[in-house]
Amino acid sequence: MIKVGYVQKLKIVKKVEFGVYLAEDTGDGEKDDKVLLPNSRVPEGAKTGDEVEAFVYRDSKDRPIATLEVPVLTIGGLARLKVRQVTQIGAFLDWGLEKDLFLPFKQQTYKVREGDEILVTMYADKSDRLCAMMDVYKVLENESGHRKDDTVVGTVYLISKNFGAFVAVDDKYSALIPKREMFGDAGKLVCGQQVTARVSRVLKDGRLELSVRDKGYMQRNEDADRILDMLHDAGGKLDFYDRSDPELIRERTGMSKNEFKRAVGKLLKDELIDIEDGCIFLAK
């Protein structure tokens, strides 16, 4: 069976005035399932019986048609494509063929604009028409080879209130910045953004958990500097301390309670702050 959206080996079974018809070589004689390869795409010297590798899609009149050009994306694949046009029904992407690839509004994880380069996969809808989608979770690979504490680069393709920010590392591998990490700078992430992150955990199936915060003492020093800046901006006093409610600390500083406590502990040790009556003061 000839499938739309795939590169497949087909045989020239019939020549006509406007091109040649291709079909699968099953050895059963005349084929009902044929697809046209127009004259403009027929290789010079091609003859009946020759085998070619063709990509099958639908033309501007929604008819199945073959080409020997290989697009940058096939069904189930991944590619970064440029938005050529945005219309009232969706966007159209440049994928290397004469007819642009359709990206329906319902398959957009964020609003795209003309000229954007976006990471997408491709599927065939109920009418066997090829469409792009931006939720690439199901086609990302798990086994990246990255290890804990590696620095990686990826694209945020989906943000979930329940789970966190889904990231395509190297535009290929499945990763997540968990919800518990979504505060401070991570809380400002948006879909389509490229992020540099640290691998905080490699799950049993190979998927990655990421953190955009530095590890250990480096983060502690950064957080301590941030608290000092806050103290200076507030006139030398903060009306909460390391035993305050975790949500209050997160809201005011963008840090977890443990991170805040580590930073406060460093500042106390360095004799840069004092704590009194539930408040933090710059040391005199």
C-alpha atoms as a PDB file:
ATOM      1  CA  MET A   1       0.000   0.000   0.000  1.00  0.00           C
ATOM      2  CA  ILE A   2       1.327   3.423  -0.958  1.00  0.00           C
ATOM      3  CA  LYS A   3       1.522   5.639   2.116  1.00  0.00           C
ATOM      4  CA  VAL A   4       1.293   9.416   2.194  1.00  0.00           C
ATOM      5  CA  GLY A   5       4.057  11.067   4.204  1.00  0.00           C
ATOM      6  CA  TYR A   6       6.825   8.506   3.703  1.00  0.00           C
ATOM      7  CA  VAL A   7       9.751   7.900   1.372  1.00  0.00           C
ATOM      8  CA  GLN A   8       9.200   4.510  -0.262  1.00  0.00           C
ATOM      9  CA  LYS A   9      10.555   2.354  -3.077  1.00  0.00           C
ATOM     10  CA  LEU A  10       8.118   2.307  -6.011  1.00  0.00           C
ATOM     11  CA  LYS A  11       8.290   1.040  -9.579  1.00  0.00           C
ATOM     12  CA  ILE A  12       7.350   2.891 -12.761  1.00  0.00           C
ATOM     13  CA  VAL A  13       4.388   0.871 -14.049  1.00  0.00           C
ATOM     14  CA  LYS A  14       2.900   3.138 -16.702  1.00  0.00           C
ATOM     15  CA  LYS A  15       3.901   6.113 -18.851  1.00  0.00           C
ATOM     16  CA  VAL A  16       1.322   8.749 -19.761  1.00  0.00           C
ATOM     17  CA  GLU A  17       1.454  12.101 -21.520  1.00  0.00           C
ATOM     18  CA  PHE A  18       1.748  14.063 -18.257  1.00  0.00           C
ATOM     19  CA  GLY A  19       4.127  11.807 -16.334  1.00  0.00           C
ATOM     20  CA  VAL A  20       4.521   8.261 -15.057  1.00  0.00           C
ATOM     21  CA  TYR A  21       2.540   6.216 -12.592  1.00  0.00           C
ATOM     22  CA  LEU A  22       4.327   4.539  -9.693  1.00  0.00           C
ATOM     23  CA  ALA A  23       3.215   1.477  -7.733  1.00  0.00           C
ATOM     24  CA  GLU A  24       4.594  -1.031  -5.264  1.00  0.00           C
ATOM     25  CA  ASP A  25       6.446  -3.955  -6.776  1.00  0.00           C
ATOM     26  CA  THR A  26       4.493  -6.940  -5.441  1.00  0.00           C
ATOM     27  CA  GLY A  27       4.821  -9.138  -8.530  1.00  0.00           C
ATOM     28  CA  ASP A  28       1.040  -9.249  -8.975  1.00  0.00           C
ATOM     29  CA  GLY A  29       0.770  -7.507 -12.340  1.00  0.00           C
ATOM     30  CA  GLU A  30      -1.440  -4.437 -12.842  1.00  0.00           C
ATOM     31  CA  LYS A  31      -1.865  -2.295  -9.711  1.00  0.00           C
ATOM     32  CA  ASP A  32      -4.941  -0.362  -8.629  1.00  0.00           C
ATOM     33  CA  ASP A  33      -2.938   1.582  -6.046  1.00  0.00           C
ATOM     34  CA  LYS A  34      -0.880   3.978  -8.160  1.00  0.00           C
ATOM     35  CA  VAL A  35       0.450   7.515  -7.722  1.00  0.00           C
ATOM     36  CA  LEU A  36       1.465  10.049 -10.342  1.00  0.00           C
ATOM     37  CA  LEU A  37       5.022  11.331 -10.718  1.00  0.00           C
ATOM     38  CA  PRO A  38       4.605  14.437 -12.946  1.00  0.00           C
ATOM     39  CA  ASN A  39       6.761  14.938 -16.031  1.00  0.00           C
ATOM     40  CA  SER A  40       8.695  17.773 -14.400  1.00  0.00           C
ATOM     41  CA  ARG A  41       9.997  15.300 -11.802  1.00  0.00           C
ATOM     42  CA  VAL A  42      10.611  12.227 -13.939  1.00  0.00           C
ATOM     43  CA  PRO A  43      14.359  11.442 -14.267  1.00  0.00           C
ATOM     44  CA  GLU A  44      15.785  11.669 -17.764  1.00  0.00           C
ATOM     45  CA  GLY A  45      15.832   8.281 -19.441  1.00  0.00           C
ATOM     46  CA  ALA A  46      13.409   6.698 -16.955  1.00  0.00           C
ATOM     47  CA  LYS A  47      11.464   3.751 -18.345  1.00  0.00           C
ATOM     48  CA  THR A  48       8.746   1.341 -17.312  1.00  0.00           C
ATOM     49  CA  GLY A  49      10.044  -1.155 -14.773  1.00  0.00           C
ATOM     50  CA  ASP A  50      12.580   1.223 -13.205  1.00  0.00           C
ATOM     51  CA  GLU A  51      12.518   1.483  -9.411  1.00  0.00           C
ATOM     52  CA  VAL A  52      12.705   4.870  -7.716  1.00  0.00           C
ATOM     53  CA  GLU A  53      12.598   6.199  -4.157  1.00  0.00           C
ATOM     54  CA  ALA A  54       9.696   8.633  -3.969  1.00  0.00           C
ATOM     55  CA  PHE A  55       7.998  10.739  -1.322  1.00  0.00           C
ATOM     56  CA  VAL A  56       4.202  10.814  -1.528  1.00  0.00           C
ATOM     57  CA  TYR A  57       2.078  13.762  -0.382  1.00  0.00           C
ATOM     58  CA  ARG A  58      -1.026  15.669  -1.515  1.00  0.00           C
ATOM     59  CA  ASP A  59      -0.877  18.512  -4.004  1.00  0.00           C
ATOM     60  CA  SER A  60      -2.745  21.849  -3.911  1.00  0.00           C
ATOM     61  CA  LYS A  61      -5.887  20.049  -5.180  1.00  0.00           C
ATOM     62  CA  ASP A  62      -5.592  17.445  -2.425  1.00  0.00           C
ATOM     63  CA  ARG A  63      -4.583  14.662  -4.834  1.00  0.00           C
ATOM     64  CA  PRO A  64      -1.874  12.108  -3.936  1.00  0.00           C
ATOM     65  CA  ILE A  65       1.285  12.904  -5.868  1.00  0.00           C
ATOM     66  CA  ALA A  66       4.884  11.687  -5.856  1.00  0.00           C
ATOM     67  CA  THR A  67       8.188  13.533  -5.918  1.00  0.00           C
ATOM     68  CA  LEU A  68      11.780  12.370  -5.953  1.00  0.00           C
ATOM     69  CA  GLU A  69      12.726  15.366  -3.807  1.00  0.00           C
ATOM     70  CA  VAL A  70      13.146  14.367  -0.167  1.00  0.00           C
ATOM     71  CA  PRO A  71      11.578  16.874   2.259  1.00  0.00           C
ATOM     72  CA  VAL A  72      13.277  17.703   5.537  1.00  0.00           C
ATOM     73  CA  LEU A  73      10.423  16.050   7.446  1.00  0.00           C
ATOM     74  CA  THR A  74       8.487  12.787   7.121  1.00  0.00           C
ATOM     75  CA  ILE A  75       5.773  11.295   9.339  1.00  0.00           C
ATOM     76  CA  GLY A  76       7.063  10.718  12.867  1.00  0.00           C
ATOM     77  CA  GLY A  77      10.245  12.691  12.271  1.00  0.00           C
ATOM     78  CA  LEU A  78      11.489  15.916  13.811  1.00  0.00           C
ATOM     79  CA  ALA A  79      12.641  19.084  12.104  1.00  0.00           C
ATOM     80  CA  ARG A  80      13.023  22.791  12.745  1.00  0.00           C
ATOM     81  CA  LEU A  81      10.982  24.564  10.057  1.00  0.00           C
ATOM     82  CA  LYS A  82      10.478  28.217   9.154  1.00  0.00           C
ATOM     83  CA  VAL A  83       6.996  29.726   9.353  1.00  0.00           C
ATOM     84  CA  ARG A  84       6.325  31.050   5.865  1.00  0.00           C
ATOM     85  CA  GLN A  85       2.805  32.392   6.445  1.00  0.00           C
ATOM     86  CA  VAL A  86       0.178  32.737   9.195  1.00  0.00           C
ATOM     87  CA  THR A  87      -3.471  32.766   8.111  1.00  0.00           C
ATOM     88  CA  GLN A  88      -6.922  32.611   9.678  1.00  0.00           C
ATOM     89  CA  ILE A  89      -6.883  28.800   9.610  1.00  0.00           C
ATOM     90  CA  GLY A  90      -3.327  28.199  10.809  1.00  0.00           C
ATOM     91  CA  ALA A  91       0.285  28.544   9.742  1.00  0.00           C
ATOM     92  CA  PHE A  92       2.187  27.228   6.732  1.00  0.00           C
ATOM     93  CA  LEU A  93       5.754  25.950   7.021  1.00  0.00           C
ATOM     94  CA  ASP A  94       8.595  25.662   4.530  1.00  0.00           C
ATOM     95  CA  TRP A  95       9.635  21.999   4.365  1.00  0.00           C
ATOM     96  CA  GLY A  96      11.390  21.953   1.030  1.00  0.00           C
ATOM     97  CA  LEU A  97       8.454  21.088  -1.258  1.00  0.00           C
ATOM     98  CA  GLU A  98       6.332  23.210  -3.600  1.00  0.00           C
ATOM     99  CA  LYS A  99       3.293  22.983  -1.324  1.00  0.00           C
ATOM    100  CA  ASP A 100       3.903  24.305   2.209  1.00  0.00           C
ATOM    101  CA  LEU A 101       3.173  22.119   5.243  1.00  0.00           C
ATOM    102  CA  PHE A 102       0.039  23.082   7.201  1.00  0.00           C
ATOM    103  CA  LEU A 103       0.235  23.699  10.968  1.00  0.00           C
ATOM    104  CA  PRO A 104      -3.318  23.912  12.407  1.00  0.00           C
ATOM    105  CA  PHE A 105      -3.971  26.317  15.269  1.00  0.00           C
ATOM    106  CA  LYS A 106      -4.988  23.382  17.498  1.00  0.00           C
ATOM    107  CA  GLN A 107      -1.540  21.844  17.017  1.00  0.00           C
ATOM    108  CA  GLN A 108       0.329  24.966  18.148  1.00  0.00           C
ATOM    109  CA  THR A 109       1.651  24.997  21.710  1.00  0.00           C
ATOM    110  CA  TYR A 110       2.145  28.749  21.407  1.00  0.00           C
ATOM    111  CA  LYS A 111       1.253  31.429  18.878  1.00  0.00           C
ATOM    112  CA  VAL A 112       3.736  31.417  16.010  1.00  0.00           C
ATOM    113  CA  ARG A 113       4.690  34.338  13.791  1.00  0.00           C
ATOM    114  CA  GLU A 114       5.922  34.624  10.232  1.00  0.00           C
ATOM    115  CA  GLY A 115       9.669  34.059  10.135  1.00  0.00           C
ATOM    116  CA  ASP A 116       9.807  31.946  13.322  1.00  0.00           C
ATOM    117  CA  GLU A 117      11.788  28.707  13.215  1.00  0.00           C
ATOM    118  CA  ILE A 118       9.893  26.076  15.180  1.00  0.00           C
ATOM    119  CA  LEU A 119      10.443  22.446  16.146  1.00  0.00           C
ATOM    120  CA  VAL A 120       7.673  20.209  14.781  1.00  0.00           C
ATOM    121  CA  THR A 121       6.759  16.643  13.919  1.00  0.00           C
ATOM    122  CA  MET A 122       4.347  15.530  11.206  1.00  0.00           C
ATOM    123  CA  TYR A 123       1.228  13.332  11.068  1.00  0.00           C
ATOM    124  CA  ALA A 124      -1.567  12.469   8.641  1.00  0.00           C
ATOM    125  CA  ASP A 125      -5.042  13.641   9.716  1.00  0.00           C
ATOM    126  CA  LYS A 126      -8.306  11.699   9.291  1.00  0.00           C
ATOM    127  CA  SER A 127      -8.469  12.780   5.647  1.00  0.00           C
ATOM    128  CA  ASP A 128      -4.904  11.563   5.055  1.00  0.00           C
ATOM    129  CA  ARG A 129      -3.635  15.146   4.724  1.00  0.00           C
ATOM    130  CA  LEU A 130      -0.173  15.903   6.075  1.00  0.00           C
ATOM    131  CA  CYS A 131      -0.029  18.357   8.984  1.00  0.00           C
ATOM    132  CA  ALA A 132       2.575  19.582  11.457  1.00  0.00           C
ATOM    133  CA  MET A 133       2.275  19.615  15.242  1.00  0.00           C
ATOM    134  CA  MET A 134       4.384  21.329  17.897  1.00  0.00           C
ATOM    135  CA  ASP A 135       3.808  18.889  20.779  1.00  0.00           C
ATOM    136  CA  VAL A 136       6.713  16.594  19.936  1.00  0.00           C
ATOM    137  CA  TYR A 137       6.714  14.550  23.186  1.00  0.00           C
ATOM    138  CA  LYS A 138       5.794  11.212  21.572  1.00  0.00           C
ATOM    139  CA  VAL A 139       8.526  11.337  18.924  1.00  0.00           C
ATOM    140  CA  LEU A 140      11.453  12.419  21.110  1.00  0.00           C
ATOM    141  CA  GLU A 141      14.080   9.809  21.942  1.00  0.00           C
ATOM    142  CA  ASN A 142      14.965   8.799  25.511  1.00  0.00           C
ATOM    143  CA  GLU A 143      18.517   7.447  25.340  1.00  0.00           C
ATOM    144  CA  SER A 144      20.521  10.642  24.941  1.00  0.00           C
ATOM    145  CA  GLY A 145      23.780   9.480  26.494  1.00  0.00           C
ATOM    146  CA  HIS A 146      23.858  12.576  28.720  1.00  0.00           C
ATOM    147  CA  ARG A 147      24.776  12.027  32.371  1.00  0.00           C
ATOM    148  CA  LYS A 148      23.972  13.711  35.659  1.00  0.00           C
ATOM    149  CA  ASP A 149      25.478  17.203  35.924  1.00  0.00           C
ATOM    150  CA  ASP A 150      26.082  17.474  32.153  1.00  0.00           C
ATOM    151  CA  THR A 151      25.277  20.865  30.663  1.00  0.00           C
ATOM    152  CA  VAL A 152      22.764  20.576  27.813  1.00  0.00           C
ATOM    153  CA  VAL A 153      20.943  22.896  25.413  1.00  0.00           C
ATOM    154  CA  GLY A 154      17.318  22.395  24.429  1.00  0.00           C
ATOM    155  CA  THR A 155      14.108  24.002  23.236  1.00  0.00           C
ATOM    156  CA  VAL A 156      11.058  24.461  25.472  1.00  0.00           C
ATOM    157  CA  TYR A 157       8.130  23.113  23.438  1.00  0.00           C
ATOM    158  CA  LEU A 158       5.375  22.819  26.056  1.00  0.00           C
ATOM    159  CA  ILE A 159       4.717  24.241  29.528  1.00  0.00           C
ATOM    160  CA  SER A 160       2.349  22.358  31.856  1.00  0.00           C
ATOM    161  CA  LYS A 161       0.969  23.736  35.122  1.00  0.00           C
ATOM    162  CA  ASN A 162       0.975  20.204  36.514  1.00  0.00           C
ATOM    163  CA  PHE A 163       4.380  18.929  35.380  1.00  0.00           C
ATOM    164  CA  GLY A 164       6.671  21.810  34.416  1.00  0.00           C
ATOM    165  CA  ALA A 165       8.482  22.745  31.191  1.00  0.00           C
ATOM    166  CA  PHE A 166       8.969  20.054  28.553  1.00  0.00           C
ATOM    167  CA  VAL A 167      12.262  20.432  26.693  1.00  0.00           C
ATOM    168  CA  ALA A 168      13.664  18.862  23.537  1.00  0.00           C
ATOM    169  CA  VAL A 169      17.377  18.523  24.340  1.00  0.00           C
ATOM    170  CA  ASP A 170      19.506  18.836  21.205  1.00  0.00           C
ATOM    171  CA  ASP A 171      16.099  19.092  19.441  1.00  0.00           C
ATOM    172  CA  LYS A 172      16.001  15.291  19.755  1.00  0.00           C
ATOM    173  CA  TYR A 173      15.821  13.954  23.321  1.00  0.00           C
ATOM    174  CA  SER A 174      13.050  14.014  25.935  1.00  0.00           C
ATOM    175  CA  ALA A 175      13.593  16.159  29.026  1.00  0.00           C
ATOM    176  CA  LEU A 176      11.607  17.979  31.694  1.00  0.00           C
ATOM    177  CA  ILE A 177      12.241  20.912  33.997  1.00  0.00           C
ATOM    178  CA  PRO A 178       9.976  19.735  36.857  1.00  0.00           C
ATOM    179  CA  LYS A 179       7.300  21.940  38.363  1.00  0.00           C
ATOM    180  CA  ARG A 180       9.308  22.192  41.603  1.00  0.00           C
ATOM    181  CA  GLU A 181      12.019  24.002  39.607  1.00  0.00           C
ATOM    182  CA  MET A 182       9.618  26.477  38.012  1.00  0.00           C
ATOM    183  CA  PHE A 183      10.391  29.550  40.078  1.00  0.00           C
ATOM    184  CA  GLY A 184      12.859  32.396  39.761  1.00  0.00           C
ATOM    185  CA  ASP A 185      14.289  32.519  36.232  1.00  0.00           C
ATOM    186  CA  ALA A 186      12.751  29.120  35.397  1.00  0.00           C
ATOM    187  CA  GLY A 187       9.305  30.530  36.166  1.00  0.00           C
ATOM    188  CA  LYS A 188       9.786  32.991  33.298  1.00  0.00           C
ATOM    189  CA  LEU A 189      10.418  30.340  30.644  1.00  0.00           C
ATOM    190  CA  VAL A 190       8.231  30.484  27.540  1.00  0.00           C
ATOM    191  CA  CYS A 191       7.538  28.003  24.761  1.00  0.00           C
ATOM    192  CA  GLY A 192       9.993  28.248  21.893  1.00  0.00           C
ATOM    193  CA  GLN A 193      12.771  29.508  24.159  1.00  0.00           C
ATOM    194  CA  GLN A 194      16.181  27.871  23.965  1.00  0.00           C
ATOM    195  CA  VAL A 195      17.609  27.061  27.399  1.00  0.00           C
ATOM    196  CA  THR A 196      20.947  25.950  28.781  1.00  0.00           C
ATOM    197  CA  ALA A 197      20.425  23.634  31.740  1.00  0.00           C
ATOM    198  CA  ARG A 198      22.100  21.070  33.982  1.00  0.00           C
ATOM    199  CA  VAL A 199      21.025  17.413  34.019  1.00  0.00           C
ATOM    200  CA  SER A 200      19.822  16.921  37.590  1.00  0.00           C
ATOM    201  CA  ARG A 201      18.631  13.350  37.103  1.00  0.00           C
ATOM    202  CA  VAL A 202      18.559  10.591  34.475  1.00  0.00           C
ATOM    203  CA  LEU A 203      15.412   8.476  34.804  1.00  0.00           C
ATOM    204  CA  LYS A 204      15.412   4.692  34.376  1.00  0.00           C
ATOM    205  CA  ASP A 205      13.992   4.969  30.861  1.00  0.00           C
ATOM    206  CA  GLY A 206      16.705   7.465  29.882  1.00  0.00           C
ATOM    207  CA  ARG A 207      14.582  10.619  29.973  1.00  0.00           C
ATOM    208  CA  LEU A 208      16.253  13.640  31.542  1.00  0.00           C
ATOM    209  CA  GLU A 209      15.250  15.912  34.388  1.00  0.00           C
ATOM    210  CA  LEU A 210      16.833  19.344  34.151  1.00  0.00           C
ATOM    211  CA  SER A 211      17.607  22.267  36.397  1.00  0.00           C
ATOM    212  CA  VAL A 212      18.380  25.782  35.251  1.00  0.00           C
ATOM    213  CA  ARG A 213      19.977  26.541  38.602  1.00  0.00           C
ATOM    214  CA  ASP A 214      23.695  26.093  39.315  1.00  0.00           C
ATOM    215  CA  LYS A 215      24.767  23.233  41.538  1.00  0.00           C
ATOM    216  CA  GLY A 216      25.707  23.376  45.214  1.00  0.00           C
ATOM    217  CA  TYR A 217      28.030  26.085  46.446  1.00  0.00           C
ATOM    218  CA  MET A 218      27.872  28.019  43.157  1.00  0.00           C
ATOM    219  CA  GLN A 219      24.126  28.439  43.519  1.00  0.00           C
ATOM    220  CA  ARG A 220      24.484  29.190  47.234  1.00  0.00           C
ATOM    221  CA  ASN A 221      26.879  32.043  46.489  1.00  0.00           C
ATOM    222  CA  GLU A 222      24.579  33.405  43.775  1.00  0.00           C
ATOM    223  CA  ASP A 223      21.569  33.213  46.098  1.00  0.00           C
ATOM    224  CA  ALA A 224      23.521  34.911  48.900  1.00  0.00           C
ATOM    225  CA  ASP A 225      24.404  37.787  46.569  1.00  0.00           C
ATOM    226  CA  ARG A 226      20.757  38.076  45.605  1.00  0.00           C
ATOM    227  CA  ILE A 227      19.700  38.360  49.264  1.00  0.00           C
ATOM    228  CA  LEU A 228      22.287  41.088  49.835  1.00  0.00           C
ATOM    229  CA  ASP A 229      20.941  42.983  46.823  1.00  0.00           C
ATOM    230  CA  MET A 230      17.411  42.656  48.196  1.00  0.00           C
ATOM    231  CA  LEU A 231      18.551  43.967  51.580  1.00  0.00           C
ATOM    232  CA  HIS A 232      20.214  46.999  50.019  1.00  0.00           C
ATOM    233  CA  ASP A 233      17.134  47.706  47.898  1.00  0.00           C
ATOM    234  CA  ALA A 234      14.885  47.389  50.973  1.00  0.00           C
ATOM    235  CA  GLY A 235      16.937  49.757  53.127  1.00  0.00           C
ATOM    236  CA  GLY A 236      18.758  47.059  55.091  1.00  0.00           C
ATOM    237  CA  LYS A 237      15.814  44.977  56.358  1.00  0.00           C
ATOM    238  CA  LEU A 238      13.735  42.036  55.105  1.00  0.00           C
ATOM    239  CA  ASP A 239      10.571  41.209  57.049  1.00  0.00           C
ATOM    240  CA  PHE A 240      11.016  37.438  56.766  1.00  0.00           C
ATOM    241  CA  TYR A 241      13.799  34.950  57.543  1.00  0.00           C
ATOM    242  CA  ASP A 242      14.871  31.339  57.064  1.00  0.00           C
ATOM    243  CA  ARG A 243      12.059  29.980  59.255  1.00  0.00           C
ATOM    244  CA  SER A 244       9.312  31.833  57.407  1.00  0.00           C
ATOM    245  CA  ASP A 245       6.635  30.056  55.369  1.00  0.00           C
ATOM    246  CA  PRO A 246       8.156  28.283  52.310  1.00  0.00           C
ATOM    247  CA  GLU A 247       5.613  29.822  49.936  1.00  0.00           C
ATOM    248  CA  LEU A 248       6.388  33.309  51.239  1.00  0.00           C
ATOM    249  CA  ILE A 249      10.112  32.700  50.712  1.00  0.00           C
ATOM    250  CA  ARG A 250       9.493  31.377  47.197  1.00  0.00           C
ATOM    251  CA  GLU A 251       7.249  34.326  46.319  1.00  0.00           C
ATOM    252  CA  ARG A 252       9.669  36.952  47.627  1.00  0.00           C
ATOM    253  CA  THR A 253      12.985  35.455  46.495  1.00  0.00           C
ATOM    254  CA  GLY A 254      12.314  32.829  43.819  1.00  0.00           C
ATOM    255  CA  MET A 255      14.182  30.274  45.963  1.00  0.00           C
ATOM    256  CA  SER A 256      13.057  27.131  47.720  1.00  0.00           C
ATOM    257  CA  LYS A 257      13.218  27.219  51.517  1.00  0.00           C
ATOM    258  CA  ASN A 258      16.296  24.961  51.561  1.00  0.00           C
ATOM    259  CA  GLU A 259      18.127  27.146  49.047  1.00  0.00           C
ATOM    260  CA  PHE A 260      17.222  30.245  51.027  1.00  0.00           C
ATOM    261  CA  LYS A 261      18.435  28.673  54.273  1.00  0.00           C
ATOM    262  CA  ARG A 262      21.782  27.716  52.712  1.00  0.00           C
ATOM    263  CA  ALA A 263      22.298  31.252  51.424  1.00  0.00           C
ATOM    264  CA  VAL A 264      21.292  32.821  54.747  1.00  0.00           C
ATOM    265  CA  GLY A 265      23.652  30.440  56.547  1.00  0.00           C
ATOM    266  CA  LYS A 266      26.534  31.593  54.371  1.00  0.00           C
ATOM    267  CA  LEU A 267      25.738  35.258  55.022  1.00  0.00           C
ATOM    268  CA  LEU A 268      25.574  34.627  58.787  1.00  0.00           C
ATOM    269  CA  LYS A 269      28.885  32.784  58.691  1.00  0.00           C
ATOM    270  CA  ASP A 270      30.446  35.668  56.766  1.00  0.00           C
ATOM    271  CA  GLU A 271      28.953  38.072  59.357  1.00  0.00           C
ATOM    272  CA  LEU A 272      27.169  40.061  56.663  1.00  0.00           C
ATOM    273  CA  ILE A 273      23.679  39.830  58.175  1.00  0.00           C
ATOM    274  CA  ASP A 274      21.889  39.543  61.513  1.00  0.00           C
ATOM    275  CA  ILE A 275      18.546  37.892  62.281  1.00  0.00           C
ATOM    276  CA  GLU A 276      16.233  39.331  64.930  1.00  0.00           C
ATOM    277  CA  ASP A 277      12.471  39.073  65.598  1.00  0.00           C
ATOM    278  CA  GLY A 278      11.797  37.136  62.390  1.00  0.00           C
ATOM    279  CA  CYS A 279      13.597  39.664  60.197  1.00  0.00           C
ATOM    280  CA  ILE A 280      16.951  39.812  58.400  1.00  0.00           C
ATOM    281  CA  PHE A 281      19.138  42.917  58.790  1.00  0.00           C
ATOM    282  CA  LEU A 282      22.369  43.999  57.182  1.00  0.00           C
ATOM    283  CA  ALA A 283      25.115  43.597  59.768  1.00  0.00           C
ATOM    284  CA  LYS A 284      26.209  46.832  61.405  1.00  0.00           C
END
